[in-house]
Each structure stands twice: as C-alpha cells, then as structure tokens.
PDB file of N, CA and C in Angstrom:
ATOM      1  N   MET A   1      67.872 224.749 174.930  1.00  0.00           N
ATOM      2  CA  MET A   1      67.756 224.617 173.524  1.00  0.00           C
ATOM      3  C   MET A   1      68.295 225.799 172.782  1.00  0.00           C
ATOM      4  N   GLY A   2      68.181 227.010 173.316  1.00  0.00           N
ATOM      5  CA  GLY A   2      68.697 228.210 172.677  1.00  0.00           C
ATOM      6  C   GLY A   2      70.143 228.097 172.357  1.00  0.00           C
ATOM      7  N   GLU A   3      70.952 227.512 173.262  1.00  0.00           N
ATOM      8  CA  GLU A   3      72.367 227.427 172.989  1.00  0.00           C
ATOM      9  C   GLU A   3      72.684 226.516 171.786  1.00  0.00           C
ATOM     10  N   VAL A   4      71.953 225.410 171.700  1.00  0.00           N
ATOM     11  CA  VAL A   4      72.146 224.508 170.584  1.00  0.00           C
ATOM     12  C   VAL A   4      71.860 225.202 169.242  1.00  0.00           C
ATOM     13  N   VAL A   5      70.736 225.962 169.204  1.00  0.00           N
ATOM     14  CA  VAL A   5      70.410 226.690 168.002  1.00  0.00           C
ATOM     15  C   VAL A   5      71.497 227.706 167.698  1.00  0.00           C
ATOM     16  N   ALA A   6      71.986 228.431 168.711  1.00  0.00           N
ATOM     17  CA  ALA A   6      73.048 229.392 168.484  1.00  0.00           C
ATOM     18  C   ALA A   6      74.312 228.713 167.984  1.00  0.00           C
ATOM     19  N   ASP A   7      74.654 227.571 168.534  1.00  0.00           N
ATOM     20  CA  ASP A   7      75.823 226.817 168.056  1.00  0.00           C
ATOM     21  C   ASP A   7      75.669 226.440 166.586  1.00  0.00           C
ATOM     22  N   LEU A   8      74.518 225.972 166.221  1.00  0.00           N
ATOM     23  CA  LEU A   8      74.250 225.601 164.822  1.00  0.00           C
ATOM     24  C   LEU A   8      74.323 226.850 163.930  1.00  0.00           C
ATOM     25  N   THR A   9      73.813 227.937 164.408  1.00  0.00           N
ATOM     26  CA  THR A   9      73.881 229.188 163.644  1.00  0.00           C
ATOM     27  C   THR A   9      75.287 229.643 163.476  1.00  0.00           C
ATOM     28  N   VAL A  10      76.121 229.567 164.520  1.00  0.00           N
ATOM     29  CA  VAL A  10      77.545 229.939 164.422  1.00  0.00           C
ATOM     30  C   VAL A  10      78.215 229.027 163.422  1.00  0.00           C
ATOM     31  N   ARG A  11      77.888 227.740 163.401  1.00  0.00           N
ATOM     32  CA  ARG A  11      78.453 226.821 162.419  1.00  0.00           C
ATOM     33  C   ARG A  11      78.094 227.236 161.026  1.00  0.00           C
ATOM     34  N   GLU A  12      76.860 227.657 160.809  1.00  0.00           N
ATOM     35  CA  GLU A  12      76.425 228.085 159.491  1.00  0.00           C
ATOM     36  C   GLU A  12      77.115 229.418 159.097  1.00  0.00           C
ATOM     37  N   ILE A  13      77.312 230.310 160.066  1.00  0.00           N
ATOM     38  CA  ILE A  13      78.051 231.547 159.760  1.00  0.00           C
ATOM     39  C   ILE A  13      79.501 231.194 159.332  1.00  0.00           C
ATOM     40  N   ALA A  14      80.107 230.261 160.042  1.00  0.00           N
ATOM     41  CA  ALA A  14      81.431 229.836 159.684  1.00  0.00           C
ATOM     42  C   ALA A  14      81.506 229.262 158.277  1.00  0.00           C
ATOM     43  N   ARG A  15      80.459 228.439 157.931  1.00  0.00           N
ATOM     44  CA  ARG A  15      80.405 227.816 156.620  1.00  0.00           C
ATOM     45  C   ARG A  15      80.261 228.929 155.551  1.00  0.00           C
ATOM     46  N   ALA A  16      79.391 229.908 155.804  1.00  0.00           N
ATOM     47  CA  ALA A  16      79.210 230.998 154.838  1.00  0.00           C
ATOM     48  C   ALA A  16      80.513 231.806 154.684  1.00  0.00           C
ATOM     49  N   ALA A  17      81.189 232.077 155.806  1.00  0.00           N
ATOM     50  CA  ALA A  17      82.435 232.836 155.750  1.00  0.00           C
ATOM     51  C   ALA A  17      83.487 232.048 154.973  1.00  0.00           C
ATOM     52  N   GLU A  18      83.559 230.753 155.154  1.00  0.00           N
ATOM     53  CA  GLU A  18      84.510 229.957 154.434  1.00  0.00           C
ATOM     54  C   GLU A  18      84.229 229.966 152.909  1.00  0.00           C
ATOM     55  N   THR A  19      82.923 229.919 152.570  1.00  0.00           N
ATOM     56  CA  THR A  19      82.548 229.990 151.142  1.00  0.00           C
ATOM     57  C   THR A  19      82.961 231.272 150.533  1.00  0.00           C
ATOM     58  N   VAL A  20      82.731 232.383 151.200  1.00  0.00           N
ATOM     59  CA  VAL A  20      83.028 233.706 150.676  1.00  0.00           C
ATOM     60  C   VAL A  20      84.542 233.958 150.683  1.00  0.00           C
ATOM     61  N   LEU A  21      85.236 233.599 151.751  1.00  0.00           N
ATOM     62  CA  LEU A  21      86.618 233.874 151.931  1.00  0.00           C
ATOM     63  C   LEU A  21      87.519 232.852 151.231  1.00  0.00           C
ATOM     64  N   GLY A  22      86.971 231.692 150.923  1.00  0.00           N
ATOM     65  CA  GLY A  22      87.724 230.674 150.257  1.00  0.00           C
ATOM     66  C   GLY A  22      88.822 230.056 151.098  1.00  0.00           C
ATOM     67  N   GLN A  23      88.631 230.063 152.405  1.00  0.00           N
ATOM     68  CA  GLN A  23      89.585 229.478 153.330  1.00  0.00           C
ATOM     69  C   GLN A  23      88.885 229.082 154.598  1.00  0.00           C
ATOM     70  N   PRO A  24      89.451 228.082 155.340  1.00  0.00           N
ATOM     71  CA  PRO A  24      88.830 227.667 156.591  1.00  0.00           C
ATOM     72  C   PRO A  24      88.838 228.820 157.663  1.00  0.00           C
ATOM     73  N   VAL A  25      87.781 228.905 158.427  1.00  0.00           N
ATOM     74  CA  VAL A  25      87.775 229.872 159.526  1.00  0.00           C
ATOM     75  C   VAL A  25      87.263 229.171 160.782  1.00  0.00           C
ATOM     76  N   VAL A  26      87.758 229.641 161.903  1.00  0.00           N
ATOM     77  CA  VAL A  26      87.296 229.160 163.199  1.00  0.00           C
ATOM     78  C   VAL A  26      86.610 230.280 163.877  1.00  0.00           C
ATOM     79  N   LEU A  27      85.345 230.111 164.173  1.00  0.00           N
ATOM     80  CA  LEU A  27      84.563 231.169 164.795  1.00  0.00           C
ATOM     81  C   LEU A  27      84.026 230.753 166.173  1.00  0.00           C
ATOM     82  N   THR A  28      83.916 231.719 167.049  1.00  0.00           N
ATOM     83  CA  THR A  28      83.222 231.542 168.292  1.00  0.00           C
ATOM     84  C   THR A  28      82.243 232.697 168.367  1.00  0.00           C
ATOM     85  N   PRO A  29      81.299 232.658 169.302  1.00  0.00           N
ATOM     86  CA  PRO A  29      80.385 233.812 169.405  1.00  0.00           C
ATOM     87  C   PRO A  29      81.089 235.114 169.670  1.00  0.00           C
ATOM     88  N   ALA A  30      82.276 235.057 170.265  1.00  0.00           N
ATOM     89  CA  ALA A  30      83.017 236.274 170.610  1.00  0.00           C
ATOM     90  C   ALA A  30      83.874 236.797 169.444  1.00  0.00           C
ATOM     91  N   THR A  31      83.941 236.063 168.329  1.00  0.00           N
ATOM     92  CA  THR A  31      84.764 236.518 167.220  1.00  0.00           C
ATOM     93  C   THR A  31      84.242 237.852 166.669  1.00  0.00           C
ATOM     94  N   ASP A  32      85.137 238.825 166.605  1.00  0.00           N
ATOM     95  CA  ASP A  32      84.808 240.126 166.032  1.00  0.00           C
ATOM     96  C   ASP A  32      84.869 239.956 164.498  1.00  0.00           C
ATOM     97  N   ILE A  33      83.756 240.193 163.832  1.00  0.00           N
ATOM     98  CA  ILE A  33      83.682 239.882 162.406  1.00  0.00           C
ATOM     99  C   ILE A  33      84.686 240.711 161.611  1.00  0.00           C
ATOM    100  N   ALA A  34      84.689 242.040 161.780  1.00  0.00           N
ATOM    101  CA  ALA A  34      85.555 242.899 160.970  1.00  0.00           C
ATOM    102  C   ALA A  34      87.017 242.709 161.332  1.00  0.00           C
ATOM    103  N   ARG A  35      87.305 242.708 162.651  1.00  0.00           N
ATOM    104  CA  ARG A  35      88.722 242.656 163.069  1.00  0.00           C
ATOM    105  C   ARG A  35      89.307 241.250 162.966  1.00  0.00           C
ATOM    106  N   ASP A  36      88.604 240.252 163.487  1.00  0.00           N
ATOM    107  CA  ASP A  36      89.197 238.896 163.509  1.00  0.00           C
ATOM    108  C   ASP A  36      89.189 238.176 162.167  1.00  0.00           C
ATOM    109  N   LEU A  37      88.133 238.449 161.390  1.00  0.00           N
ATOM    110  CA  LEU A  37      88.048 237.814 160.059  1.00  0.00           C
ATOM    111  C   LEU A  37      88.654 238.674 158.973  1.00  0.00           C
ATOM    112  N   ALA A  38      88.956 239.939 159.327  1.00  0.00           N
ATOM    113  CA  ALA A  38      89.501 240.897 158.371  1.00  0.00           C
ATOM    114  C   ALA A  38      88.717 240.970 157.073  1.00  0.00           C
ATOM    115  N   VAL A  39      87.397 241.072 157.216  1.00  0.00           N
ATOM    116  CA  VAL A  39      86.527 241.178 156.066  1.00  0.00           C
ATOM    117  C   VAL A  39      86.131 242.660 155.825  1.00  0.00           C
ATOM    118  N   ASP A  40      86.050 243.028 154.560  1.00  0.00           N
ATOM    119  CA  ASP A  40      85.543 244.359 154.274  1.00  0.00           C
ATOM    120  C   ASP A  40      84.054 244.278 154.117  1.00  0.00           C
ATOM    121  N   SER A  41      83.456 245.460 153.810  1.00  0.00           N
ATOM    122  CA  SER A  41      81.965 245.485 153.779  1.00  0.00           C
ATOM    123  C   SER A  41      81.433 244.633 152.648  1.00  0.00           C
ATOM    124  N   LEU A  42      82.150 244.516 151.534  1.00  0.00           N
ATOM    125  CA  LEU A  42      81.693 243.724 150.434  1.00  0.00           C
ATOM    126  C   LEU A  42      81.674 242.193 150.798  1.00  0.00           C
ATOM    127  N   ALA A  43      82.750 241.766 151.408  1.00  0.00           N
ATOM    128  CA  ALA A  43      82.819 240.366 151.870  1.00  0.00           C
ATOM    129  C   ALA A  43      81.728 240.097 152.901  1.00  0.00           C
ATOM    130  N   LEU A  44      81.522 241.040 153.804  1.00  0.00           N
ATOM    131  CA  LEU A  44      80.515 240.842 154.837  1.00  0.00           C
ATOM    132  C   LEU A  44      79.119 240.738 154.176  1.00  0.00           C
ATOM    133  N   MET A  45      78.871 241.551 153.170  1.00  0.00           N
ATOM    134  CA  MET A  45      77.532 241.481 152.482  1.00  0.00           C
ATOM    135  C   MET A  45      77.411 240.152 151.783  1.00  0.00           C
ATOM    136  N   ASN A  46      78.503 239.634 151.199  1.00  0.00           N
ATOM    137  CA  ASN A  46      78.428 238.313 150.544  1.00  0.00           C
ATOM    138  C   ASN A  46      78.162 237.223 151.586  1.00  0.00           C
ATOM    139  N   ILE A  47      78.759 237.327 152.765  1.00  0.00           N
ATOM    140  CA  ILE A  47      78.502 236.363 153.844  1.00  0.00           C
ATOM    141  C   ILE A  47      77.022 236.430 154.248  1.00  0.00           C
ATOM    142  N   VAL A  48      76.521 237.690 154.372  1.00  0.00           N
ATOM    143  CA  VAL A  48      75.107 237.909 154.760  1.00  0.00           C
ATOM    144  C   VAL A  48      74.173 237.290 153.697  1.00  0.00           C
ATOM    145  N   MET A  49      74.513 237.460 152.401  1.00  0.00           N
ATOM    146  CA  MET A  49      73.684 236.892 151.333  1.00  0.00           C
ATOM    147  C   MET A  49      73.673 235.371 151.422  1.00  0.00           C
ATOM    148  N   GLU A  50      74.829 234.784 151.703  1.00  0.00           N
ATOM    149  CA  GLU A  50      74.915 233.315 151.879  1.00  0.00           C
ATOM    150  C   GLU A  50      73.962 232.853 152.994  1.00  0.00           C
ATOM    151  N   LEU A  51      74.004 233.625 154.111  1.00  0.00           N
ATOM    152  CA  LEU A  51      73.175 233.267 155.264  1.00  0.00           C
ATOM    153  C   LEU A  51      71.693 233.504 154.981  1.00  0.00           C
ATOM    154  N   GLU A  52      71.365 234.558 154.236  1.00  0.00           N
ATOM    155  CA  GLU A  52      69.986 234.788 153.881  1.00  0.00           C
ATOM    156  C   GLU A  52      69.456 233.628 153.051  1.00  0.00           C
ATOM    157  N   ASP A  53      70.259 233.137 152.127  1.00  0.00           N
ATOM    158  CA  ASP A  53      69.860 231.992 151.301  1.00  0.00           C
ATOM    159  C   ASP A  53      69.699 230.756 152.163  1.00  0.00           C
ATOM    160  N   LYS A  54      70.647 230.540 153.030  1.00  0.00           N
ATOM    161  CA  LYS A  54      70.679 229.336 153.889  1.00  0.00           C
ATOM    162  C   LYS A  54      69.428 229.272 154.780  1.00  0.00           C
ATOM    163  N   PHE A  55      69.126 230.395 155.420  1.00  0.00           N
ATOM    164  CA  PHE A  55      68.041 230.444 156.366  1.00  0.00           C
ATOM    165  C   PHE A  55      66.735 230.927 155.783  1.00  0.00           C
ATOM    166  N   ASP A  56      66.748 231.285 154.503  1.00  0.00           N
ATOM    167  CA  ASP A  56      65.560 231.785 153.791  1.00  0.00           C
ATOM    168  C   ASP A  56      64.911 232.979 154.543  1.00  0.00           C
ATOM    169  N   LEU A  57      65.749 233.988 154.775  1.00  0.00           N
ATOM    170  CA  LEU A  57      65.250 235.187 155.448  1.00  0.00           C
ATOM    171  C   LEU A  57      66.018 236.400 154.917  1.00  0.00           C
ATOM    172  N   SER A  58      65.509 237.558 155.243  1.00  0.00           N
ATOM    173  CA  SER A  58      66.155 238.790 154.857  1.00  0.00           C
ATOM    174  C   SER A  58      66.718 239.481 156.107  1.00  0.00           C
ATOM    175  N   ILE A  59      67.998 239.844 156.056  1.00  0.00           N
ATOM    176  CA  ILE A  59      68.596 240.534 157.224  1.00  0.00           C
ATOM    177  C   ILE A  59      68.634 242.009 156.903  1.00  0.00           C
ATOM    178  N   PRO A  60      67.850 242.823 157.638  1.00  0.00           N
ATOM    179  CA  PRO A  60      67.817 244.254 157.354  1.00  0.00           C
ATOM    180  C   PRO A  60      69.181 244.906 157.547  1.00  0.00           C
ATOM    181  N   LEU A  61      69.569 245.804 156.590  1.00  0.00           N
ATOM    182  CA  LEU A  61      70.842 246.476 156.677  1.00  0.00           C
ATOM    183  C   LEU A  61      70.999 247.299 157.957  1.00  0.00           C
ATOM    184  N   ASP A  62      69.912 247.956 158.390  1.00  0.00           N
ATOM    185  CA  ASP A  62      70.028 248.754 159.585  1.00  0.00           C
ATOM    186  C   ASP A  62      70.307 247.900 160.821  1.00  0.00           C
ATOM    187  N   ARG A  63      69.852 246.650 160.799  1.00  0.00           N
ATOM    188  CA  ARG A  63      70.152 245.743 161.902  1.00  0.00           C
ATOM    189  C   ARG A  63      71.610 245.230 161.850  1.00  0.00           C
ATOM    190  N   MET A  64      72.086 245.041 160.604  1.00  0.00           N
ATOM    191  CA  MET A  64      73.490 244.597 160.395  1.00  0.00           C
ATOM    192  C   MET A  64      74.466 245.612 160.920  1.00  0.00           C
ATOM    193  N   ALA A  65      74.091 246.891 160.871  1.00  0.00           N
ATOM    194  CA  ALA A  65      74.972 247.961 161.346  1.00  0.00           C
ATOM    195  C   ALA A  65      75.300 247.788 162.820  1.00  0.00           C
ATOM    196  N   LEU A  66      74.415 247.091 163.554  1.00  0.00           N
ATOM    197  CA  LEU A  66      74.633 246.924 164.991  1.00  0.00           C
ATOM    198  C   LEU A  66      75.413 245.627 165.310  1.00  0.00           C
ATOM    199  N   VAL A  67      75.700 244.839 164.311  1.00  0.00           N
ATOM    200  CA  VAL A  67      76.374 243.573 164.501  1.00  0.00           C
ATOM    201  C   VAL A  67      77.852 243.750 164.504  1.00  0.00           C
ATOM    202  N   GLN A  68      78.515 243.283 165.600  1.00  0.00           N
ATOM    203  CA  GLN A  68      79.985 243.368 165.646  1.00  0.00           C
ATOM    204  C   GLN A  68      80.604 241.984 165.743  1.00  0.00           C
ATOM    205  N   THR A  69      79.977 241.095 166.525  1.00  0.00           N
ATOM    206  CA  THR A  69      80.533 239.756 166.707  1.00  0.00           C
ATOM    207  C   THR A  69      79.699 238.707 166.049  1.00  0.00           C
ATOM    208  N   VAL A  70      80.310 237.554 165.924  1.00  0.00           N
ATOM    209  CA  VAL A  70      79.574 236.365 165.385  1.00  0.00           C
ATOM    210  C   VAL A  70      78.361 236.081 166.253  1.00  0.00           C
ATOM    211  N   GLY A  71      78.506 236.219 167.600  1.00  0.00           N
ATOM    212  CA  GLY A  71      77.383 236.006 168.491  1.00  0.00           C
ATOM    213  C   GLY A  71      76.256 236.981 168.228  1.00  0.00           C
ATOM    214  N   ASP A  72      76.590 238.230 167.925  1.00  0.00           N
ATOM    215  CA  ASP A  72      75.569 239.255 167.572  1.00  0.00           C
ATOM    216  C   ASP A  72      74.814 238.834 166.335  1.00  0.00           C
ATOM    217  N   LEU A  73      75.596 238.354 165.326  1.00  0.00           N
ATOM    218  CA  LEU A  73      74.958 237.920 164.083  1.00  0.00           C
ATOM    219  C   LEU A  73      74.095 236.718 164.241  1.00  0.00           C
ATOM    220  N   ALA A  74      74.589 235.737 165.065  1.00  0.00           N
ATOM    221  CA  ALA A  74      73.801 234.517 165.345  1.00  0.00           C
ATOM    222  C   ALA A  74      72.506 234.898 166.075  1.00  0.00           C
ATOM    223  N   SER A  75      72.560 235.790 167.048  1.00  0.00           N
ATOM    224  CA  SER A  75      71.382 236.207 167.783  1.00  0.00           C
ATOM    225  C   SER A  75      70.344 236.884 166.827  1.00  0.00           C
ATOM    226  N   LEU A  76      70.860 237.730 165.935  1.00  0.00           N
ATOM    227  CA  LEU A  76      70.002 238.403 164.990  1.00  0.00           C
ATOM    228  C   LEU A  76      69.307 237.417 164.071  1.00  0.00           C
ATOM    229  N   ILE A  77      70.081 236.465 163.565  1.00  0.00           N
ATOM    230  CA  ILE A  77      69.509 235.447 162.681  1.00  0.00           C
ATOM    231  C   ILE A  77      68.453 234.618 163.421  1.00  0.00           C
ATOM    232  N   ASP A  78      68.772 234.182 164.658  1.00  0.00           N
ATOM    233  CA  ASP A  78      67.825 233.379 165.429  1.00  0.00           C
ATOM    234  C   ASP A  78      66.550 234.211 165.724  1.00  0.00           C
ATOM    235  N   GLU A  79      66.707 235.501 166.005  1.00  0.00           N
ATOM    236  CA  GLU A  79      65.563 236.372 166.256  1.00  0.00           C
ATOM    237  C   GLU A  79      64.704 236.479 165.026  1.00  0.00           C
ATOM    238  N   LEU A  80      65.327 236.684 163.864  1.00  0.00           N
ATOM    239  CA  LEU A  80      64.576 236.802 162.604  1.00  0.00           C
ATOM    240  C   LEU A  80      63.891 235.496 162.224  1.00  0.00           C
ATOM    241  N   ARG A  81      64.548 234.384 162.524  1.00  0.00           N
ATOM    242  CA  ARG A  81      63.948 233.073 162.198  1.00  0.00           C
ATOM    243  C   ARG A  81      62.720 232.788 163.068  1.00  0.00           C
ATOM    244  N   THR A  82      62.705 233.238 164.306  1.00  0.00           N
ATOM    245  CA  THR A  82      61.556 232.994 165.155  1.00  0.00           C
ATOM    246  C   THR A  82      60.383 233.896 164.780  1.00  0.00           C
ATOM    247  N   LYS A  83      60.652 235.030 164.134  1.00  0.00           N
ATOM    248  CA  LYS A  83      59.608 235.941 163.712  1.00  0.00           C
ATOM    249  C   LYS A  83      59.004 235.508 162.339  1.00  0.00           C
ATOM    250  N   ALA A  84      59.781 234.756 161.625  1.00  0.00           N
ATOM    251  CA  ALA A  84      59.343 234.382 160.249  1.00  0.00           C
ATOM    252  C   ALA A  84      58.128 233.498 160.274  1.00  0.00           C
TER     253      ALA A  84
END
C-alpha cells in the first residue's frame, strides 16, 4: 500500500509543479527537484504551498532543506500525513 500512496503523492507533486510552472512536467521519485525541474527557491516554495493546501498540512522549512528529489518530498509528505 505504501507504494500506491507514494505514487499518488508523486502525481500530486507533479500537478502542483505544473500549476506553479505553467507547463506539463513528468516526474519520477528520482527526479531532482532543483536540477531536473530547474526551479528556484521561490518556485519551490510556491510548489510547497500548493502541496500544503492540497494535503492540508504544514511542511517545516528545516525539513524541506533535506529534500532533493521528488521521492524525498513524497516521503516527507506521507510521513507528515500519517502524523496529522
């Protein structure tokens, strides 16, 4: 079941990235957010805000500092959702 949840989370991350970037994106858990999506910190924060609204949670900035890939972000979101 964990993989299905992660896949859905990756899909939501892609949806949020598309909303912020205004273009289609293809993401996998291995996608490097900064390098592969070429997002700056402002765009990343906008993506995070979209995800916070979608999942109704708050993603701590100190935890975001450790996020490099889409998989990292999906794992963090899933972890925060289970604690909520």
